[in-house]
C-alpha atoms as a PDB file:
ATOM      1  CA  MET A   1      15.645  10.890 -16.670  1.00  0.00           C
ATOM      2  CA  VAL A   2      16.222  12.157 -13.137  1.00  0.00           C
ATOM      3  CA  LEU A   3      13.020  14.190 -13.311  1.00  0.00           C
ATOM      4  CA  LEU A   4      11.065  11.105 -14.404  1.00  0.00           C
ATOM      5  CA  GLN A   5      12.542   9.038 -11.571  1.00  0.00           C
ATOM      6  CA  GLY A   6      11.598  11.740  -9.067  1.00  0.00           C
ATOM      7  CA  PHE A   7       8.062  11.837 -10.429  1.00  0.00           C
ATOM      8  CA  ILE A   8       7.731   8.042 -10.214  1.00  0.00           C
ATOM      9  CA  GLN A   9       9.053   8.044  -6.652  1.00  0.00           C
ATOM     10  CA  GLY A  10       6.590  10.781  -5.696  1.00  0.00           C
ATOM     11  CA  VAL A  11       3.649   8.897  -7.170  1.00  0.00           C
ATOM     12  CA  PHE A  12       4.893   5.718  -5.476  1.00  0.00           C
ATOM     13  CA  PHE A  13       4.870   7.490  -2.112  1.00  0.00           C
ATOM     14  CA  LEU A  14       1.315   8.683  -2.750  1.00  0.00           C
ATOM     15  CA  THR A  15       0.383   5.101  -3.656  1.00  0.00           C
ATOM     16  CA  GLU A  16       1.808   3.912  -0.328  1.00  0.00           C
ATOM     17  CA  LEU A  17      -0.295   6.493   1.504  1.00  0.00           C
ATOM     18  CA  ALA A  18      -3.362   5.463  -0.520  1.00  0.00           C
ATOM     19  CA  ALA A  19      -2.771   1.845   0.509  1.00  0.00           C
ATOM     20  CA  LEU A  20      -2.798   2.863   4.169  1.00  0.00           C
ATOM     21  CA  ALA A  21      -5.952   4.886   3.563  1.00  0.00           C
ATOM     22  CA  GLY A  22      -7.551   1.818   1.971  1.00  0.00           C
ATOM     23  CA  PHE A  23      -6.804  -0.259   5.050  1.00  0.00           C
ATOM     24  CA  GLY A  24      -8.202   2.471   7.261  1.00  0.00           C
ATOM     25  CA  PHE A  25     -11.352   2.772   5.157  1.00  0.00           C
ATOM     26  CA  TRP A  26     -11.919  -0.958   5.449  1.00  0.00           C
ATOM     27  CA  GLY A  27     -11.324  -0.885   9.195  1.00  0.00           C
ATOM     28  CA  PHE A  28     -13.835   1.875   9.809  1.00  0.00           C
ATOM     29  CA  HIS A  29     -16.443  -0.066   7.838  1.00  0.00           C
ATOM     30  CA  ALA A  30     -15.668  -3.607   9.036  1.00  0.00           C
ATOM     31  CA  GLY A  31     -16.101  -3.309  12.780  1.00  0.00           C
ATOM     32  CA  ALA A  32     -19.276  -4.561  14.428  1.00  0.00           C
ATOM     33  CA  ASN A  33     -19.436  -1.640  16.843  1.00  0.00           C
ATOM     34  CA  THR A  34     -17.859   1.781  17.238  1.00  0.00           C
ATOM     35  CA  VAL A  35     -14.954   0.562  19.356  1.00  0.00           C
ATOM     36  CA  MET A  36     -14.012  -2.150  16.838  1.00  0.00           C
ATOM     37  CA  LYS A  37     -14.384   0.274  13.928  1.00  0.00           C
ATOM     38  CA  VAL A  38     -11.955   2.685  15.579  1.00  0.00           C
ATOM     39  CA  LEU A  39      -9.513  -0.083  16.533  1.00  0.00           C
ATOM     40  CA  LEU A  40      -9.539  -1.594  13.042  1.00  0.00           C
ATOM     41  CA  GLY A  41      -9.582   1.767  11.289  1.00  0.00           C
ATOM     42  CA  ILE A  42      -6.519   2.988  13.125  1.00  0.00           C
ATOM     43  CA  GLY A  43      -4.805  -0.281  14.034  1.00  0.00           C
ATOM     44  CA  THR A  44      -4.731  -1.917  10.616  1.00  0.00           C
ATOM     45  CA  PRO A  45      -2.948   0.944   8.817  1.00  0.00           C
ATOM     46  CA  LEU A  46      -0.609   1.293  11.769  1.00  0.00           C
ATOM     47  CA  LEU A  47       0.378  -2.391  11.629  1.00  0.00           C
ATOM     48  CA  VAL A  48       0.860  -2.224   7.871  1.00  0.00           C
ATOM     49  CA  ALA A  49       3.007   0.913   8.240  1.00  0.00           C
ATOM     50  CA  VAL A  50       5.198  -0.847  10.818  1.00  0.00           C
ATOM     51  CA  PHE A  51       5.543  -3.868   8.504  1.00  0.00           C
ATOM     52  CA  TRP A  52       6.401  -1.573   5.579  1.00  0.00           C
ATOM     53  CA  GLY A  53       9.004   0.260   7.649  1.00  0.00           C
ATOM     54  CA  MET A  54      10.614  -2.961   8.805  1.00  0.00           C
ATOM     55  CA  PHE A  55      10.934  -4.727   5.446  1.00  0.00           C
ATOM     56  CA  VAL A  56       9.965  -2.601   2.435  1.00  0.00           C
ATOM     57  CA  ALA A  57      10.881   1.048   3.062  1.00  0.00           C
ATOM     58  CA  PRO A  58      14.106   2.392   1.517  1.00  0.00           C
ATOM     59  CA  LYS A  59      15.655   2.622   5.001  1.00  0.00           C
ATOM     60  CA  ALA A  60      14.064  -0.570   6.345  1.00  0.00           C
ATOM     61  CA  ASN A  61      15.338  -2.149   9.559  1.00  0.00           C
ATOM     62  CA  TYR A  62      15.460  -5.554   7.835  1.00  0.00           C
ATOM     63  CA  PRO A  63      15.847  -4.765   4.134  1.00  0.00           C
ATOM     64  CA  VAL A  64      15.184  -7.491   1.612  1.00  0.00           C
ATOM     65  CA  THR A  65      16.539  -7.969  -1.900  1.00  0.00           C
ATOM     66  CA  PRO A  66      14.673  -6.365  -4.823  1.00  0.00           C
ATOM     67  CA  LEU A  67      12.542  -9.346  -5.900  1.00  0.00           C
ATOM     68  CA  PRO A  68      11.085 -10.133  -2.440  1.00  0.00           C
ATOM     69  CA  ARG A  69      10.673  -6.383  -1.896  1.00  0.00           C
ATOM     70  CA  ALA A  70       8.580  -6.098  -5.049  1.00  0.00           C
ATOM     71  CA  ALA A  71       6.547  -9.122  -3.936  1.00  0.00           C
ATOM     72  CA  LEU A  72       5.914  -7.572  -0.506  1.00  0.00           C
ATOM     73  CA  GLN A  73       4.909  -4.289  -2.116  1.00  0.00           C
ATOM     74  CA  ALA A  74       2.509  -6.104  -4.444  1.00  0.00           C
ATOM     75  CA  LEU A  75       1.131  -8.047  -1.461  1.00  0.00           C
ATOM     76  CA  VAL A  76       0.449  -4.899   0.562  1.00  0.00           C
ATOM     77  CA  PHE A  77      -1.095  -3.133  -2.420  1.00  0.00           C
ATOM     78  CA  GLY A  78      -3.162  -6.203  -3.288  1.00  0.00           C
ATOM     79  CA  LEU A  79      -4.447  -6.534   0.263  1.00  0.00           C
ATOM     80  CA  SER A  80      -5.315  -2.854   0.317  1.00  0.00           C
ATOM     81  CA  ALA A  81      -7.291  -3.257  -2.917  1.00  0.00           C
ATOM     82  CA  TRP A  82      -9.012  -6.304  -1.428  1.00  0.00           C
ATOM     83  CA  SER A  83      -9.830  -4.235   1.654  1.00  0.00           C
ATOM     84  CA  LEU A  84     -11.440  -1.551  -0.486  1.00  0.00           C
ATOM     85  CA  ARG A  85     -13.417  -4.224  -2.328  1.00  0.00           C
ATOM     86  CA  ALA A  86     -14.552  -5.776   0.952  1.00  0.00           C
ATOM     87  CA  ALA A  87     -15.645  -2.336   2.176  1.00  0.00           C
ATOM     88  CA  GLY A  88     -17.958  -1.980  -0.813  1.00  0.00           C
ATOM     89  CA  GLN A  89     -15.730   0.046  -3.151  1.00  0.00           C
ATOM     90  CA  PRO A  90     -14.969  -2.303  -6.077  1.00  0.00           C
ATOM     91  CA  ALA A  91     -14.368   0.473  -8.631  1.00  0.00           C
ATOM     92  CA  LEU A  92     -11.955   2.268  -6.306  1.00  0.00           C
ATOM     93  CA  ALA A  93     -10.205  -1.038  -5.587  1.00  0.00           C
ATOM     94  CA  LEU A  94      -9.721  -1.677  -9.303  1.00  0.00           C
ATOM     95  CA  ILE A  95      -8.394   1.815  -9.959  1.00  0.00           C
ATOM     96  CA  PHE A  96      -6.028   1.542  -7.007  1.00  0.00           C
ATOM     97  CA  ILE A  97      -4.608  -1.865  -7.948  1.00  0.00           C
ATOM     98  CA  VAL A  98      -4.026  -0.826 -11.567  1.00  0.00           C
ATOM     99  CA  ILE A  99      -2.136   2.283 -10.463  1.00  0.00           C
ATOM    100  CA  ALA A 100      -0.214   0.392  -7.761  1.00  0.00           C
ATOM    101  CA  LEU A 101       0.912  -2.400 -10.076  1.00  0.00           C
ATOM    102  CA  ALA A 102       1.906   0.105 -12.743  1.00  0.00           C
ATOM    103  CA  GLU A 103       3.942   1.982 -10.142  1.00  0.00           C
ATOM    104  CA  VAL A 104       5.704  -1.153  -8.896  1.00  0.00           C
ATOM    105  CA  THR A 105       6.513  -2.103 -12.478  1.00  0.00           C
ATOM    106  CA  LEU A 106       7.737   1.377 -13.427  1.00  0.00           C
ATOM    107  CA  SER A 107       9.832   1.808 -10.320  1.00  0.00           C
ATOM    108  CA  TYR A 108      11.665  -1.465 -10.885  1.00  0.00           C
ATOM    109  CA  CYS A 109      12.059  -0.910 -14.648  1.00  0.00           C
ATOM    110  CA  MET A 110      13.646   2.479 -13.952  1.00  0.00           C
ATOM    111  CA  LYS A 111      16.233   0.842 -11.680  1.00  0.00           C
ATOM    112  CA  LEU A 112      17.429  -1.571 -14.371  1.00  0.00           C
END
């Protein structure tokens, strides 16, 4: 059981990193010029990472209870999938959101 929990936590961490990569991918494709592409491509994942660290991370500065935490995780993952879709990667967005929602579900089921 401990091994399974460790595996799920590892995949969850990779999913978090993939969400940030999705935001970055969108940013580098959404800007009208090179400066905006760089600002959005770096700034968006940075802002999301700060938000995650403040409210969602295991050692968050302002931790929330499990249900709002799951909702915030689903929101970030959903927005990342939307970002991938908006950047012209609908198949990747679908794959990502399926994996992310499965991970959120598994991680909370394992805690029960």
